[in-house]
Amino acid sequence: MVFPKLINNNNNVFEYDGGDLWVRDNVSYWDDQDYCWNNDIQKFIEESNSISQLLWKINYSIPYRNQIEGLKKNQKYKINKNNKFYCEPIKYSKGELYLVDDILLYDPEIIVNFINKLSGLKKISIAINMISPSDIFMDEDDDWIQQGLNNPEWNTSSFDPSNKDDLQDIKYIKENIDPNITFDFSMDDKGLEILKSNGIL
């Protein structure tokens, strides 16, 4: 089976099964996101005239150490409710757009086209990509995915305003959307200061 697999495509929901991070071989989150973007999300944006809501979600199952002790590499285990996690690269509802920051690394013209099609948009909130529920899956568990589950390519690509190209992209986005739309970034003070000094915040 090819992952991610689109399992729900109703009412502007794009929900994918990303498979199991122990059973799949050397999973790259960026590659998974790119696959969804290139095959479905970008096409949806281009073909839409107005978007009132949108959810892009990728589901994963992740075992705990005690569930795979003694198993051969990638041998299946019993998946329980607390093994089920997800990422939401894009979520738009009730005037607020939530983006993981690596979405900003796509073509800024496409991002602008997308934002300008969102009806009633007031605020864009941007944060690092997180596995959810985050109260169960902590930041350090990325090491478990990479090392314990044999996925050394598991990583995300982060937007960095100290990078000249990234800064030019976000400035282009800001300059080509409704100036009344506000931004909220979750990043360190240095990054926020760069964004403020360049009129993004």
C-alpha atoms as a PDB file:
ATOM      1  CA  MET A   1       0.000   0.000   0.000  1.00  0.00           C
ATOM      2  CA  VAL A   2       1.194   3.498  -0.850  1.00  0.00           C
ATOM      3  CA  PHE A   3       1.214   5.923   2.097  1.00  0.00           C
ATOM      4  CA  PRO A   4      -0.157   8.420   2.841  1.00  0.00           C
ATOM      5  CA  LYS A   5      -3.502   7.054   1.634  1.00  0.00           C
ATOM      6  CA  LEU A   6      -6.460   9.435   1.290  1.00  0.00           C
ATOM      7  CA  ILE A   7      -9.243   7.972   3.460  1.00  0.00           C
ATOM      8  CA  ASN A   8     -11.653  10.904   3.756  1.00  0.00           C
ATOM      9  CA  ASN A   9     -12.344  13.573   1.161  1.00  0.00           C
ATOM     10  CA  ASN A  10     -15.700  15.097   2.093  1.00  0.00           C
ATOM     11  CA  ASN A  11     -16.696  18.700   2.896  1.00  0.00           C
ATOM     12  CA  ASN A  12     -13.182  20.094   2.323  1.00  0.00           C
ATOM     13  CA  VAL A  13     -11.583  17.478   4.569  1.00  0.00           C
ATOM     14  CA  PHE A  14      -8.432  15.759   3.317  1.00  0.00           C
ATOM     15  CA  GLU A  15      -7.677  13.022   5.829  1.00  0.00           C
ATOM     16  CA  TYR A  16      -4.895  10.529   5.213  1.00  0.00           C
ATOM     17  CA  ASP A  17      -3.736   7.263   6.706  1.00  0.00           C
ATOM     18  CA  GLY A  18       0.007   7.662   7.158  1.00  0.00           C
ATOM     19  CA  GLY A  19       0.422   4.082   8.320  1.00  0.00           C
ATOM     20  CA  ASP A  20       2.460   2.783  11.214  1.00  0.00           C
ATOM     21  CA  LEU A  21       5.873   4.289  11.938  1.00  0.00           C
ATOM     22  CA  TRP A  22       7.235   0.912  13.057  1.00  0.00           C
ATOM     23  CA  VAL A  23       5.908  -1.110  10.119  1.00  0.00           C
ATOM     24  CA  ARG A  24       6.709   1.376   7.352  1.00  0.00           C
ATOM     25  CA  ASP A  25      10.320   1.680   6.206  1.00  0.00           C
ATOM     26  CA  ASN A  26      12.275   4.861   6.969  1.00  0.00           C
ATOM     27  CA  VAL A  27       9.374   7.300   6.902  1.00  0.00           C
ATOM     28  CA  SER A  28      10.052  10.960   6.082  1.00  0.00           C
ATOM     29  CA  TYR A  29       7.322  13.280   7.327  1.00  0.00           C
ATOM     30  CA  TRP A  30       8.355  15.900   4.767  1.00  0.00           C
ATOM     31  CA  ASP A  31       7.985  13.351   1.958  1.00  0.00           C
ATOM     32  CA  ASP A  32       4.537  12.368   3.263  1.00  0.00           C
ATOM     33  CA  GLN A  33       3.430  15.991   3.410  1.00  0.00           C
ATOM     34  CA  ASP A  34       4.867  16.632  -0.035  1.00  0.00           C
ATOM     35  CA  TYR A  35       2.985  13.626  -1.441  1.00  0.00           C
ATOM     36  CA  CYS A  36      -0.344  14.966  -0.132  1.00  0.00           C
ATOM     37  CA  TRP A  37       0.424  18.485  -1.345  1.00  0.00           C
ATOM     38  CA  ASN A  38       1.422  17.433  -4.859  1.00  0.00           C
ATOM     39  CA  ASN A  39      -1.392  14.921  -5.363  1.00  0.00           C
ATOM     40  CA  ASP A  40      -4.398  16.596  -3.730  1.00  0.00           C
ATOM     41  CA  ILE A  41      -3.952  19.838  -1.775  1.00  0.00           C
ATOM     42  CA  GLN A  42      -2.431  22.029  -4.459  1.00  0.00           C
ATOM     43  CA  LYS A  43      -4.997  20.864  -7.013  1.00  0.00           C
ATOM     44  CA  PHE A  44      -7.821  21.649  -4.565  1.00  0.00           C
ATOM     45  CA  ILE A  45      -6.472  25.169  -4.041  1.00  0.00           C
ATOM     46  CA  GLU A  46      -6.145  25.821  -7.770  1.00  0.00           C
ATOM     47  CA  GLU A  47      -9.663  24.571  -8.557  1.00  0.00           C
ATOM     48  CA  SER A  48     -11.459  26.365  -5.692  1.00  0.00           C
ATOM     49  CA  ASN A  49     -13.052  29.788  -5.998  1.00  0.00           C
ATOM     50  CA  SER A  50     -13.894  30.318  -2.333  1.00  0.00           C
ATOM     51  CA  ILE A  51     -12.993  28.209   0.702  1.00  0.00           C
ATOM     52  CA  SER A  52     -15.065  28.499   3.880  1.00  0.00           C
ATOM     53  CA  GLN A  53     -13.330  25.699   5.779  1.00  0.00           C
ATOM     54  CA  LEU A  54     -10.526  23.201   5.243  1.00  0.00           C
ATOM     55  CA  LEU A  55      -8.828  20.422   7.170  1.00  0.00           C
ATOM     56  CA  TRP A  56      -5.728  18.550   6.042  1.00  0.00           C
ATOM     57  CA  LYS A  57      -4.887  15.757   8.482  1.00  0.00           C
ATOM     58  CA  ILE A  58      -2.408  12.861   8.439  1.00  0.00           C
ATOM     59  CA  ASN A  59      -2.920   9.981  10.890  1.00  0.00           C
ATOM     60  CA  TYR A  60      -0.098   7.779  12.168  1.00  0.00           C
ATOM     61  CA  SER A  61       0.151   4.901  14.603  1.00  0.00           C
ATOM     62  CA  ILE A  62       3.222   4.818  16.845  1.00  0.00           C
ATOM     63  CA  PRO A  63       4.152   1.983  19.236  1.00  0.00           C
ATOM     64  CA  TYR A  64       5.685   2.310  22.679  1.00  0.00           C
ATOM     65  CA  ARG A  65       8.934   0.537  23.482  1.00  0.00           C
ATOM     66  CA  ASN A  66       7.289  -2.242  25.500  1.00  0.00           C
ATOM     67  CA  GLN A  67       4.970  -3.085  22.585  1.00  0.00           C
ATOM     68  CA  ILE A  68       7.766  -3.981  20.177  1.00  0.00           C
ATOM     69  CA  GLU A  69      10.338  -5.524  22.515  1.00  0.00           C
ATOM     70  CA  GLY A  70      11.319  -8.906  21.105  1.00  0.00           C
ATOM     71  CA  LEU A  71       9.691  -8.262  17.724  1.00  0.00           C
ATOM     72  CA  LYS A  72      11.600  -8.529  14.489  1.00  0.00           C
ATOM     73  CA  LYS A  73      12.114  -5.280  12.574  1.00  0.00           C
ATOM     74  CA  ASN A  74       8.744  -3.929  11.367  1.00  0.00           C
ATOM     75  CA  GLN A  75       6.844  -6.967  12.702  1.00  0.00           C
ATOM     76  CA  LYS A  76       3.232  -5.981  13.446  1.00  0.00           C
ATOM     77  CA  TYR A  77       1.994  -5.377  17.008  1.00  0.00           C
ATOM     78  CA  LYS A  78      -1.469  -4.778  18.483  1.00  0.00           C
ATOM     79  CA  ILE A  79      -2.463  -1.148  17.858  1.00  0.00           C
ATOM     80  CA  ASN A  80      -4.394   0.415  20.751  1.00  0.00           C
ATOM     81  CA  LYS A  81      -6.187   3.748  21.012  1.00  0.00           C
ATOM     82  CA  ASN A  82      -3.190   5.417  22.660  1.00  0.00           C
ATOM     83  CA  ASN A  83      -1.012   4.447  19.679  1.00  0.00           C
ATOM     84  CA  LYS A  84      -2.998   6.734  17.367  1.00  0.00           C
ATOM     85  CA  PHE A  85      -1.622  10.185  16.575  1.00  0.00           C
ATOM     86  CA  TYR A  86      -2.035  12.825  13.877  1.00  0.00           C
ATOM     87  CA  CYS A  87      -0.654  15.982  12.274  1.00  0.00           C
ATOM     88  CA  GLU A  88      -2.718  18.849  10.866  1.00  0.00           C
ATOM     89  CA  PRO A  89      -0.633  20.818   8.344  1.00  0.00           C
ATOM     90  CA  ILE A  90      -3.579  23.110   7.486  1.00  0.00           C
ATOM     91  CA  LYS A  91      -6.793  23.862   9.358  1.00  0.00           C
ATOM     92  CA  TYR A  92      -9.170  26.696   8.485  1.00  0.00           C
ATOM     93  CA  SER A  93     -12.348  27.387  10.414  1.00  0.00           C
ATOM     94  CA  LYS A  94     -14.291  30.406  11.695  1.00  0.00           C
ATOM     95  CA  GLY A  95     -11.935  33.040  10.334  1.00  0.00           C
ATOM     96  CA  GLU A  96      -8.681  31.567  11.643  1.00  0.00           C
ATOM     97  CA  LEU A  97      -6.106  29.712   9.572  1.00  0.00           C
ATOM     98  CA  TYR A  98      -3.710  27.345  11.331  1.00  0.00           C
ATOM     99  CA  LEU A  99      -0.561  26.387   9.401  1.00  0.00           C
ATOM    100  CA  VAL A 100       2.489  24.342  10.292  1.00  0.00           C
ATOM    101  CA  ASP A 101       5.435  26.542   9.489  1.00  0.00           C
ATOM    102  CA  ASP A 102       6.942  24.293   6.834  1.00  0.00           C
ATOM    103  CA  ILE A 103       3.911  25.046   4.634  1.00  0.00           C
ATOM    104  CA  LEU A 104       5.548  28.465   4.189  1.00  0.00           C
ATOM    105  CA  LEU A 105       8.347  26.747   2.283  1.00  0.00           C
ATOM    106  CA  TYR A 106       6.051  26.032  -0.646  1.00  0.00           C
ATOM    107  CA  ASP A 107       5.733  28.500  -3.535  1.00  0.00           C
ATOM    108  CA  PRO A 108       4.594  31.795  -1.943  1.00  0.00           C
ATOM    109  CA  GLU A 109       2.415  32.574  -4.968  1.00  0.00           C
ATOM    110  CA  ILE A 110       0.419  29.400  -4.308  1.00  0.00           C
ATOM    111  CA  ILE A 111       0.172  30.275  -0.608  1.00  0.00           C
ATOM    112  CA  VAL A 112      -1.115  33.766  -1.487  1.00  0.00           C
ATOM    113  CA  ASN A 113      -3.612  32.295  -3.932  1.00  0.00           C
ATOM    114  CA  PHE A 114      -4.826  29.955  -1.192  1.00  0.00           C
ATOM    115  CA  ILE A 115      -5.097  32.650   1.489  1.00  0.00           C
ATOM    116  CA  ASN A 116      -6.999  34.980  -0.837  1.00  0.00           C
ATOM    117  CA  LYS A 117      -9.622  32.285  -1.424  1.00  0.00           C
ATOM    118  CA  LEU A 118     -10.417  31.853   2.296  1.00  0.00           C
ATOM    119  CA  SER A 119     -13.727  33.532   3.017  1.00  0.00           C
ATOM    120  CA  GLY A 120     -13.827  35.600   6.196  1.00  0.00           C
ATOM    121  CA  LEU A 121     -10.160  35.106   7.093  1.00  0.00           C
ATOM    122  CA  LYS A 122      -9.038  37.326   9.983  1.00  0.00           C
ATOM    123  CA  LYS A 123      -6.004  35.637  11.539  1.00  0.00           C
ATOM    124  CA  ILE A 124      -3.186  33.305  10.458  1.00  0.00           C
ATOM    125  CA  SER A 125      -1.539  31.290  13.247  1.00  0.00           C
ATOM    126  CA  ILE A 126       1.724  29.576  12.375  1.00  0.00           C
ATOM    127  CA  ALA A 127       3.600  27.102  14.576  1.00  0.00           C
ATOM    128  CA  ILE A 128       6.089  24.260  14.302  1.00  0.00           C
ATOM    129  CA  ASN A 129       4.742  20.922  13.177  1.00  0.00           C
ATOM    130  CA  MET A 130       3.639  18.826  16.144  1.00  0.00           C
ATOM    131  CA  ILE A 131       2.437  15.280  16.538  1.00  0.00           C
ATOM    132  CA  SER A 132      -0.878  15.377  18.409  1.00  0.00           C
ATOM    133  CA  PRO A 133      -2.257  14.817  20.978  1.00  0.00           C
ATOM    134  CA  SER A 134       0.771  16.771  22.191  1.00  0.00           C
ATOM    135  CA  ASP A 135       0.070  15.987  25.855  1.00  0.00           C
ATOM    136  CA  ILE A 136       0.916  12.362  25.071  1.00  0.00           C
ATOM    137  CA  PHE A 137       3.518  12.735  22.345  1.00  0.00           C
ATOM    138  CA  MET A 138       6.316  15.002  23.555  1.00  0.00           C
ATOM    139  CA  ASP A 139       8.920  16.807  21.443  1.00  0.00           C
ATOM    140  CA  GLU A 140      11.656  14.375  22.441  1.00  0.00           C
ATOM    141  CA  ASP A 141       9.642  11.492  21.005  1.00  0.00           C
ATOM    142  CA  ASP A 142      10.894  12.519  17.567  1.00  0.00           C
ATOM    143  CA  ASP A 143      14.106  10.775  18.668  1.00  0.00           C
ATOM    144  CA  TRP A 144      12.077   7.632  19.323  1.00  0.00           C
ATOM    145  CA  ILE A 145      10.610   7.779  15.810  1.00  0.00           C
ATOM    146  CA  GLN A 146      14.034   8.320  14.248  1.00  0.00           C
ATOM    147  CA  GLN A 147      16.129   5.929  16.323  1.00  0.00           C
ATOM    148  CA  GLY A 148      13.847   3.476  18.109  1.00  0.00           C
ATOM    149  CA  LEU A 149      11.546   2.933  15.117  1.00  0.00           C
ATOM    150  CA  ASN A 150      14.252   3.023  12.435  1.00  0.00           C
ATOM    151  CA  ASN A 151      13.096   6.170  10.639  1.00  0.00           C
ATOM    152  CA  PRO A 152      16.288   8.272  10.404  1.00  0.00           C
ATOM    153  CA  GLU A 153      14.706  10.415   7.662  1.00  0.00           C
ATOM    154  CA  TRP A 154      11.820  11.484   9.939  1.00  0.00           C
ATOM    155  CA  ASN A 155      12.037  15.252  10.123  1.00  0.00           C
ATOM    156  CA  THR A 156      10.217  18.421   9.235  1.00  0.00           C
ATOM    157  CA  SER A 157      11.471  21.468   7.344  1.00  0.00           C
ATOM    158  CA  SER A 158      11.172  24.619   9.405  1.00  0.00           C
ATOM    159  CA  PHE A 159      10.507  28.185   8.281  1.00  0.00           C
ATOM    160  CA  ASP A 160      13.309  30.458   9.516  1.00  0.00           C
ATOM    161  CA  PRO A 161      12.945  34.261   9.127  1.00  0.00           C
ATOM    162  CA  SER A 162      16.713  34.680   9.613  1.00  0.00           C
ATOM    163  CA  ASN A 163      17.064  32.890   6.268  1.00  0.00           C
ATOM    164  CA  LYS A 164      16.924  35.524   3.512  1.00  0.00           C
ATOM    165  CA  ASP A 165      14.772  33.421   1.170  1.00  0.00           C
ATOM    166  CA  ASP A 166      12.283  32.511   3.916  1.00  0.00           C
ATOM    167  CA  LEU A 167      11.999  36.166   4.951  1.00  0.00           C
ATOM    168  CA  GLN A 168      11.393  37.298   1.359  1.00  0.00           C
ATOM    169  CA  ASP A 169       8.680  34.655   0.989  1.00  0.00           C
ATOM    170  CA  ILE A 170       6.737  35.753   4.086  1.00  0.00           C
ATOM    171  CA  LYS A 171       7.087  39.417   3.063  1.00  0.00           C
ATOM    172  CA  TYR A 172       5.660  38.538  -0.344  1.00  0.00           C
ATOM    173  CA  ILE A 173       2.740  36.761   1.316  1.00  0.00           C
ATOM    174  CA  LYS A 174       2.084  39.691   3.684  1.00  0.00           C
ATOM    175  CA  GLU A 175       2.170  42.226   0.839  1.00  0.00           C
ATOM    176  CA  ASN A 176      -0.252  40.314  -1.371  1.00  0.00           C
ATOM    177  CA  ILE A 177      -3.106  39.517   1.025  1.00  0.00           C
ATOM    178  CA  ASP A 178      -5.653  41.668   2.849  1.00  0.00           C
ATOM    179  CA  PRO A 179      -3.599  43.990   5.139  1.00  0.00           C
ATOM    180  CA  ASN A 180      -6.212  43.559   7.890  1.00  0.00           C
ATOM    181  CA  ILE A 181      -5.296  39.881   8.297  1.00  0.00           C
ATOM    182  CA  THR A 182      -3.084  39.449  11.368  1.00  0.00           C
ATOM    183  CA  PHE A 183      -0.275  36.937  11.909  1.00  0.00           C
ATOM    184  CA  ASP A 184       0.641  34.981  15.011  1.00  0.00           C
ATOM    185  CA  PHE A 185       3.907  33.010  15.024  1.00  0.00           C
ATOM    186  CA  SER A 186       5.109  30.540  17.636  1.00  0.00           C
ATOM    187  CA  MET A 187       8.895  30.875  17.511  1.00  0.00           C
ATOM    188  CA  ASP A 188      11.833  32.203  19.499  1.00  0.00           C
ATOM    189  CA  ASP A 189      12.302  35.886  20.346  1.00  0.00           C
ATOM    190  CA  LYS A 190      14.972  36.359  17.675  1.00  0.00           C
ATOM    191  CA  GLY A 191      12.631  35.175  14.946  1.00  0.00           C
ATOM    192  CA  LEU A 192       9.762  37.294  16.236  1.00  0.00           C
ATOM    193  CA  GLU A 193      11.974  40.379  16.323  1.00  0.00           C
ATOM    194  CA  ILE A 194      12.958  39.852  12.679  1.00  0.00           C
ATOM    195  CA  LEU A 195       9.307  39.521  11.697  1.00  0.00           C
ATOM    196  CA  LYS A 196       8.380  42.669  13.629  1.00  0.00           C
ATOM    197  CA  SER A 197      11.192  44.716  12.115  1.00  0.00           C
ATOM    198  CA  ASN A 198      10.068  43.687   8.643  1.00  0.00           C
ATOM    199  CA  GLY A 199       6.421  44.621   9.205  1.00  0.00           C
ATOM    200  CA  ILE A 200       5.048  41.089   9.323  1.00  0.00           C
ATOM    201  CA  LEU A 201       3.798  41.412  12.914  1.00  0.00           C
END
